[in-house]
Protein backbone atom coordinates (compact mmCIF):
# COMPACT_ATOMS: atom_id res chain seq x y z
CA UNK A 1 5.26 8.53 -10.76
CA UNK A 2 7.78 7.84 -8.59
CA UNK A 3 11.32 6.13 -9.53
CA UNK A 4 11.88 2.74 -7.97
CA UNK A 5 14.82 3.54 -5.69
CA UNK A 6 12.91 6.50 -3.99
CA UNK A 7 9.85 4.08 -3.99
CA UNK A 8 11.67 1.33 -1.99
CA UNK A 9 13.41 3.80 0.23
CA UNK A 10 10.26 5.53 1.16
CA UNK A 11 8.64 2.28 1.95
CA UNK A 12 11.51 1.26 4.13
CA UNK A 13 11.22 4.40 5.86
CA UNK A 14 7.63 3.97 6.57
CA UNK A 15 7.02 -0.02 7.04
CA UNK A 16 7.88 -2.14 10.08
CA UNK A 17 7.83 -5.13 8.09
CA UNK A 18 9.90 -3.75 5.15
CA UNK A 19 12.66 -6.66 5.42
CA UNK A 20 10.17 -9.50 5.46
CA UNK A 21 7.93 -8.21 2.43
CA UNK A 22 10.30 -6.03 0.34
CA UNK A 23 10.15 -8.75 -2.58
CA UNK A 24 6.82 -7.63 -3.28
CA UNK A 25 7.76 -3.98 -4.30
CA UNK A 26 8.97 -4.94 -7.65
CA UNK A 27 5.56 -5.99 -8.44
CA UNK A 28 3.91 -2.56 -7.57
CA UNK A 29 3.09 -1.17 -11.05
CA UNK A 30 4.55 2.14 -11.46
CA UNK A 31 1.35 4.22 -11.84
CA UNK A 32 0.27 2.84 -8.38
CA UNK A 33 3.52 3.23 -6.30
CA UNK A 34 2.29 6.61 -4.69
CA UNK A 35 -1.26 5.16 -3.99
CA UNK A 36 0.76 2.09 -2.35
CA UNK A 37 2.77 4.60 -0.04
CA UNK A 38 -0.60 6.18 0.71
CA UNK A 39 -1.84 2.92 2.15
CA UNK A 40 1.27 2.21 3.99
CA UNK A 41 0.94 5.77 5.55
CA UNK A 42 -2.27 4.83 6.63
CA UNK A 43 -0.80 1.97 8.75
CA UNK A 44 -1.45 -1.16 6.56
CA UNK A 45 0.97 -3.90 6.58
CA UNK A 46 3.14 -4.31 3.30
CA UNK A 47 0.87 -7.59 2.09
CA UNK A 48 -2.35 -6.03 2.69
CA UNK A 49 -1.13 -2.85 1.29
CA UNK A 50 -0.26 -5.01 -1.89
CA UNK A 51 -3.71 -6.83 -1.99
CA UNK A 52 -5.39 -3.45 -1.68
CA UNK A 53 -3.38 -1.77 -4.22
CA UNK A 54 -3.67 -4.56 -6.58
CA UNK A 55 -7.34 -5.02 -6.50
CA UNK A 56 -8.29 -1.57 -6.85
CA UNK A 57 -6.02 -0.75 -9.99
CA UNK A 58 -9.50 0.31 -11.82
CA UNK A 59 -10.93 2.70 -9.03
CA UNK A 60 -10.33 6.39 -9.32
CA UNK A 61 -9.05 8.16 -6.36
CA UNK A 62 -12.55 8.80 -4.86
CA UNK A 63 -13.60 5.13 -5.08
CA UNK A 64 -10.14 4.28 -3.90
CA UNK A 65 -10.88 6.30 -0.67
CA UNK A 66 -14.21 4.49 -0.08
CA UNK A 67 -12.25 1.27 -0.77
CA UNK A 68 -9.51 2.00 1.74
CA UNK A 69 -12.14 3.34 4.26
CA UNK A 70 -14.12 -0.22 3.83
CA UNK A 71 -10.65 -2.06 4.29
CA UNK A 72 -10.09 -0.56 7.39
CA UNK A 73 -13.31 -1.49 8.99
CA UNK A 74 -12.64 -5.04 7.87
CA UNK A 75 -11.20 -7.74 9.83
CA UNK A 76 -9.43 -9.49 6.53
CA UNK A 77 -6.66 -6.86 6.75
CA UNK A 78 -4.00 -6.39 9.23
CA UNK A 79 -4.59 -2.85 9.99
CA UNK A 80 -2.58 -1.34 12.61
CA UNK A 81 -4.27 1.45 14.30
CA UNK A 82 -2.37 3.94 16.20
């Protein structure tokens, strides 16, 4: 698990849209903060990362990877390809 201050700092360093969406961060459950950071590291915008993490809480890590791969291919999310 990751403490909130470290979590917020990590998101701020990674996400371009941090200031527009930082109000979402307190709603990310402590058990899923690392997963949230992983989604951000995979170039999703903050609101999409929030939706992905919140809707996948019941998935184990393997199933989550499948879910994230599907999300990358979906036009529903604002995935930023590099």
